[in-house]
Amino acid sequence: MTVRSSGNARRTRKVPTASIRYEDSQVREQFVEHLRLADFAESKPWRDVRSVHGMTHYSGKYSSATTGGHVVYESRLELARLLLADFDPSVEGIFAQPCRVTARIGDRVRHHVPDFLLVMRPGTVRVVNVKPAGQLRDPKIAEALAWPGELFRQHGWEYEIWSGADRVLLENVRFLAGYRRPGVVPEAEVEQARLQVVDGEELAVVERRLAGDRRPEEVRPALMALLWSGRLRTDLSRPLSGESVLRRRA
């Protein structure tokens, strides 16, 4: 049930609500306990994100392979989490700043806008907040992130506070993201490479074998596209190199 109420009612309401902004510029309010994924269809980020010269933070729009459109972010750390979500085969939907949650916590009415809502393949939902690890030591920030997590967990959704990942992993994923868009590498070349990869071969060995009379680096884009899509796997905790061992997806 969609909630429509005055400002005074919102200030006194004890039942937590989520306000969602839609592409038609309407804002609809829903009880958190009644939230469903369908409520986010045709929604847009709660805030308008702009990148202006001289801004102290780094924001922009990321072209997502998962959504087929742009997803906004407001920091380099948010962009890093967004890249990992786009790379994760278990993520099938991404919403940035999906809603504004309002709840009475103690004697105060609190508001919170999560950074991301991820739709996971098992049908679960994961709400993600991104915050540098150093800031989490601030009790006020920790408390501001704790109460939304409790609301979402009570609703049966997962909740994550993310502060970063291994540097090598992120560098590898950033590199592979250059091959994320359909058509960057012709699908016929990608499929031909997939059929010829032998499980357990090193990347350099595969390149030389697939290249034939060509230069080995000419077949590399197809292999990178396969790694991005998950049709091939390798240990991304180590820098990608000719010694990276390729594994076919089971």
Protein backbone atom coordinates (compact mmCIF):
# COMPACT_ATOMS: atom_id res chain seq x y z
CA MET A 1 0.00 0.00 0.00
CA THR A 2 1.35 3.41 -0.95
CA VAL A 3 1.36 5.97 1.84
CA ARG A 4 0.35 9.57 1.20
CA SER A 5 0.68 11.92 4.14
CA SER A 6 1.34 15.48 5.22
CA GLY A 7 4.62 16.72 6.63
CA ASN A 8 3.16 16.78 10.16
CA ALA A 9 2.06 13.16 9.85
CA ARG A 10 5.51 12.14 8.69
CA ARG A 11 7.11 13.85 11.67
CA THR A 12 4.93 11.96 14.15
CA ARG A 13 4.65 8.57 12.41
CA LYS A 14 6.35 5.71 14.21
CA VAL A 15 6.13 3.20 11.33
CA PRO A 16 9.27 3.45 9.12
CA THR A 17 8.61 4.50 5.54
CA ALA A 18 10.59 4.64 2.29
CA SER A 19 10.11 7.46 -0.21
CA ILE A 20 10.88 6.55 -3.84
CA ARG A 21 11.35 9.03 -6.68
CA TYR A 22 10.16 8.03 -10.15
CA GLU A 23 11.03 9.00 -13.70
CA ASP A 24 7.72 10.90 -13.98
CA SER A 25 8.96 13.12 -11.09
CA GLN A 26 6.42 11.73 -8.63
CA VAL A 27 7.52 10.70 -5.15
CA ARG A 28 5.65 7.83 -3.52
CA GLU A 29 5.94 6.75 0.08
CA GLN A 30 5.68 3.14 1.18
CA PHE A 31 5.85 1.43 4.55
CA VAL A 32 9.25 -0.31 4.79
CA GLU A 33 7.54 -3.50 5.92
CA HIS A 34 5.58 -3.50 2.64
CA LEU A 35 8.50 -2.70 0.31
CA ARG A 36 8.83 -4.94 -2.74
CA LEU A 37 11.20 -4.94 -5.68
CA ALA A 38 8.30 -3.93 -7.91
CA ASP A 39 8.17 -0.59 -6.07
CA PHE A 40 11.52 0.35 -7.66
CA ALA A 41 10.43 -0.22 -11.27
CA GLU A 42 10.78 3.04 -13.24
CA SER A 43 12.41 4.71 -10.24
CA LYS A 44 15.33 7.14 -10.33
CA PRO A 45 18.07 8.07 -7.83
CA TRP A 46 16.85 10.08 -4.87
CA ARG A 47 19.36 12.86 -5.50
CA ASP A 48 20.52 14.46 -8.74
CA VAL A 49 24.24 13.77 -9.15
CA ARG A 50 26.35 16.29 -11.00
CA SER A 51 30.06 16.46 -11.70
CA VAL A 52 31.31 20.05 -11.61
CA HIS A 53 34.89 21.30 -11.83
CA GLY A 54 36.21 22.14 -8.37
CA MET A 55 33.92 19.79 -6.45
CA THR A 56 35.56 18.21 -3.41
CA HIS A 57 34.08 14.78 -4.15
CA TYR A 58 34.18 12.58 -7.22
CA SER A 59 30.83 11.78 -8.80
CA GLY A 60 29.53 10.65 -12.14
CA LYS A 61 27.60 8.03 -14.10
CA TYR A 62 28.83 4.52 -14.76
CA SER A 63 27.71 2.61 -17.85
CA SER A 64 26.61 -0.70 -16.37
CA ALA A 65 26.66 -4.01 -18.22
CA THR A 66 24.20 -5.40 -15.67
CA THR A 67 21.50 -2.76 -16.11
CA GLY A 68 22.21 -1.74 -19.70
CA GLY A 69 22.10 1.89 -18.57
CA HIS A 70 23.86 4.41 -16.37
CA VAL A 71 24.20 4.11 -12.58
CA VAL A 72 25.22 7.18 -10.58
CA TYR A 73 27.90 7.31 -7.90
CA GLU A 74 29.20 10.06 -5.62
CA SER A 75 32.73 8.97 -4.76
CA ARG A 76 35.60 6.86 -6.05
CA LEU A 77 34.83 4.34 -3.32
CA GLU A 78 31.22 4.07 -4.51
CA LEU A 79 32.49 3.59 -8.07
CA ALA A 80 34.71 0.74 -6.86
CA ARG A 81 31.76 -1.02 -5.21
CA LEU A 82 29.70 -0.42 -8.33
CA LEU A 83 32.37 -2.03 -10.52
CA LEU A 84 32.41 -5.12 -8.32
CA ALA A 85 28.61 -5.35 -8.41
CA ASP A 86 28.64 -5.05 -12.20
CA PHE A 87 31.27 -7.80 -12.39
CA ASP A 88 29.43 -10.12 -9.97
CA PRO A 89 27.38 -12.71 -11.92
CA SER A 90 25.01 -13.11 -8.96
CA VAL A 91 23.89 -9.46 -9.28
CA GLU A 92 21.09 -8.93 -11.78
CA GLY A 93 19.93 -5.44 -10.86
CA ILE A 94 21.48 -2.25 -9.47
CA PHE A 95 19.68 0.83 -8.12
CA ALA A 96 21.67 3.82 -6.89
CA GLN A 97 20.19 5.91 -4.07
CA PRO A 98 17.04 3.79 -4.29
CA CYS A 99 14.97 5.59 -1.67
CA ARG A 100 14.95 7.79 1.41
CA VAL A 101 14.09 5.92 4.59
CA THR A 102 12.34 7.78 7.41
CA ALA A 103 11.95 6.35 10.90
CA ARG A 104 11.57 7.48 14.50
CA ILE A 105 14.69 6.33 16.33
CA GLY A 106 14.42 7.09 20.04
CA ASP A 107 13.05 10.61 20.32
CA ARG A 108 14.22 11.71 16.86
CA VAL A 109 12.90 11.32 13.32
CA ARG A 110 15.82 10.12 11.20
CA HIS A 111 16.33 10.07 7.42
CA HIS A 112 18.72 7.97 5.39
CA VAL A 113 19.44 7.41 1.68
CA PRO A 114 21.28 4.12 0.99
CA ASP A 115 23.98 4.16 -1.66
CA PHE A 116 22.89 1.06 -3.61
CA LEU A 117 20.24 -1.61 -3.75
CA LEU A 118 21.42 -4.82 -5.42
CA VAL A 119 19.04 -7.42 -6.79
CA MET A 120 20.66 -10.84 -6.35
CA ARG A 121 19.95 -13.88 -8.53
CA PRO A 122 18.44 -16.03 -5.75
CA GLY A 123 15.74 -13.35 -5.53
CA THR A 124 17.23 -11.67 -2.49
CA VAL A 125 17.87 -7.96 -2.07
CA ARG A 126 21.02 -6.42 -0.64
CA VAL A 127 21.15 -2.81 0.52
CA VAL A 128 24.68 -1.40 0.43
CA ASN A 129 26.19 1.64 2.11
CA VAL A 130 29.72 2.69 1.17
CA LYS A 131 31.88 4.41 3.74
CA PRO A 132 35.68 4.67 4.23
CA ALA A 133 36.90 2.43 7.04
CA GLY A 134 38.38 5.37 8.93
CA GLN A 135 35.00 7.10 9.16
CA LEU A 136 33.35 4.03 10.66
CA ARG A 137 35.32 4.64 13.85
CA ASP A 138 33.22 7.79 14.37
CA PRO A 139 30.35 6.71 16.70
CA LYS A 140 27.91 9.13 15.05
CA ILE A 141 28.59 7.70 11.58
CA ALA A 142 28.47 4.13 12.85
CA GLU A 143 25.11 4.80 14.51
CA ALA A 144 23.76 6.55 11.41
CA LEU A 145 24.51 3.42 9.37
CA ALA A 146 23.33 0.94 12.00
CA TRP A 147 19.65 1.81 12.30
CA PRO A 148 18.85 1.53 8.55
CA GLY A 149 20.57 -1.85 8.55
CA GLU A 150 18.34 -3.05 11.37
CA LEU A 151 15.22 -1.95 9.47
CA PHE A 152 16.24 -3.72 6.27
CA ARG A 153 17.29 -6.90 8.07
CA GLN A 154 13.94 -7.00 9.86
CA HIS A 155 12.34 -6.75 6.42
CA GLY A 156 14.31 -9.82 5.29
CA TRP A 157 16.79 -7.97 3.09
CA GLU A 158 20.56 -8.23 3.34
CA TYR A 159 22.55 -5.21 4.50
CA GLU A 160 26.18 -4.41 3.79
CA ILE A 161 28.53 -1.65 4.88
CA TRP A 162 31.41 -1.67 2.38
CA SER A 163 34.75 0.04 2.93
CA GLY A 164 36.91 -1.34 0.13
CA ALA A 165 38.47 -4.45 -1.34
CA ASP A 166 41.88 -5.84 -2.20
CA ARG A 167 43.78 -3.36 -4.42
CA VAL A 168 44.91 -5.99 -6.92
CA LEU A 169 41.39 -7.35 -7.30
CA LEU A 170 40.01 -3.87 -7.98
CA GLU A 171 42.74 -3.11 -10.51
CA ASN A 172 42.00 -6.35 -12.34
CA VAL A 173 38.26 -5.68 -12.41
CA ARG A 174 38.80 -2.11 -13.62
CA PHE A 175 40.92 -3.46 -16.47
CA LEU A 176 38.38 -6.14 -17.42
CA ALA A 177 35.56 -3.59 -17.29
CA GLY A 178 36.93 -2.16 -20.52
CA TYR A 179 35.52 -5.27 -22.21
CA ARG A 180 32.11 -5.25 -20.51
CA ARG A 181 29.99 -3.72 -23.26
CA PRO A 182 28.43 -5.99 -25.89
CA GLY A 183 30.02 -5.43 -29.26
CA VAL A 184 33.36 -4.14 -27.99
CA VAL A 185 34.67 -7.52 -29.11
CA PRO A 186 32.63 -9.26 -31.85
CA GLU A 187 30.62 -12.05 -30.22
CA ALA A 188 31.72 -14.50 -32.90
CA GLU A 189 35.35 -13.99 -31.85
CA VAL A 190 34.44 -14.34 -28.18
CA GLU A 191 32.56 -17.58 -28.77
CA GLN A 192 35.33 -19.02 -30.95
CA ALA A 193 37.86 -18.29 -28.20
CA ARG A 194 35.60 -19.84 -25.56
CA LEU A 195 35.34 -23.08 -27.51
CA GLN A 196 39.11 -23.37 -27.91
CA VAL A 197 40.29 -22.59 -24.38
CA VAL A 198 41.61 -25.63 -22.55
CA ASP A 199 40.87 -25.65 -18.84
CA GLY A 200 44.03 -25.02 -16.80
CA GLU A 201 46.10 -23.36 -19.54
CA GLU A 202 48.03 -20.20 -18.84
CA LEU A 203 46.84 -17.03 -20.58
CA ALA A 204 50.03 -16.64 -22.65
CA VAL A 205 49.81 -20.24 -23.86
CA VAL A 206 46.18 -19.80 -24.91
CA GLU A 207 46.98 -16.57 -26.74
CA ARG A 208 49.80 -18.12 -28.74
CA ARG A 209 47.72 -21.15 -29.67
CA LEU A 210 44.64 -19.18 -30.69
CA ALA A 211 46.61 -16.53 -32.58
CA GLY A 212 48.18 -18.90 -35.10
CA ASP A 213 49.97 -16.65 -37.59
CA ARG A 214 48.74 -13.48 -35.87
CA ARG A 215 50.26 -11.63 -32.96
CA PRO A 216 49.13 -13.15 -29.62
CA GLU A 217 47.76 -9.84 -28.36
CA GLU A 218 45.23 -9.80 -31.20
CA VAL A 219 43.20 -12.57 -29.52
CA ARG A 220 43.52 -11.09 -26.03
CA PRO A 221 40.34 -8.92 -26.15
CA ALA A 222 38.16 -11.99 -26.66
CA LEU A 223 39.73 -13.68 -23.64
CA MET A 224 39.30 -10.54 -21.53
CA ALA A 225 35.63 -10.37 -22.53
CA LEU A 226 35.22 -14.00 -21.44
CA LEU A 227 36.83 -13.21 -18.07
CA TRP A 228 34.55 -10.20 -17.56
CA SER A 229 31.41 -12.19 -18.36
CA GLY A 230 32.45 -15.07 -16.09
CA ARG A 231 32.56 -17.61 -18.89
CA LEU A 232 36.23 -17.94 -17.98
CA ARG A 233 37.71 -17.57 -14.51
CA THR A 234 41.14 -16.89 -13.08
CA ASP A 235 42.66 -15.88 -9.76
CA LEU A 236 42.05 -12.12 -9.66
CA SER A 237 43.78 -11.74 -6.30
CA ARG A 238 47.01 -11.81 -8.34
CA PRO A 239 47.87 -9.34 -11.13
CA LEU A 240 46.63 -10.48 -14.53
CA SER A 241 49.55 -11.69 -16.60
CA GLY A 242 50.58 -14.31 -19.12
CA GLU A 243 50.94 -16.71 -16.19
CA SER A 244 47.30 -16.36 -15.14
CA VAL A 245 45.67 -19.80 -15.28
CA LEU A 246 42.32 -19.85 -17.09
CA ARG A 247 39.45 -22.01 -15.90
CA ARG A 248 36.33 -22.80 -17.87
CA ARG A 249 33.04 -22.19 -16.11
CA ALA A 250 31.56 -25.45 -14.86
